[in-house]
Amino acid sequence: MVAILLLSTLAAAVDARAGEFESGFGFDISVPDTWLVLTRNEAAAKAEIFLDEAGSSELAAIPLAVRRKVYERIRAGELEIFYRRESSSGSFIDNVNVLVQPGQRPSTPEDVAQICAMLPGEFSRVFGRPISMDVCEIRERIRQRALYLQFDGAIRGTTTLQYQIHRDERATLILTATVSTEGLPRMMSEFEAMIASIRLH
């Protein structure tokens, strides 16, 4: 798994909208009015920004292999992105990305314990620096058991929150929020409200 990041260059590049949003991944969600939404097609049109380091020291700090993976998924129309209208911390903009991944999220206590033990090392390898896992647990959300993760973001000074929700027998819906660390309390409240509003088709 990779925590996908949105930077201000992409946020400024596309017209978008928030409110009640019907996702192309088969669910409805309420996005706060202070946020904007990029559909899969809108994000795909600007995917090359993730490979351009000019003008963004934060983007340059993310390993190229990670940025290439993000680029490929966005170009393939595999991500929807929500982002806050204004940055509260330099050029970083709080964001939520949505994707569907084949397979099932871990369900048994043994599965959860195994993945929670493995993820910090995997994230550290991918991001090229030590990554701490603050929370890794099963929570009850939208009338089902969902895996919740909270860990250091790929960019220093950020935190990533993630829910993995059962979509159907073949796929898991993954919602990943990345926030500047000082904005974490606000993001936790907004992200939980977004998750609670999800209505699967």
Foldseek 3Di string as FASTA:
>chain_A
DAFDFDWLVLVVPFDFAAAWDQAPLFKIWHADRQKTKDALVSQLVVLCVLQDCPPPPQSVLFDNVSSVVSSVCSVVSFKMKMWGNDDPDPGGTKIKIKGKDWDADDDDPVSQVVCVVPPQVVNCVNLVHGKDWPDWDWDQAPNDTWTWTWIQHSGPQKIKIKIWAQQDRTIIMIMMIIHRNVCVVVVVVSVNNRRNRMDGD
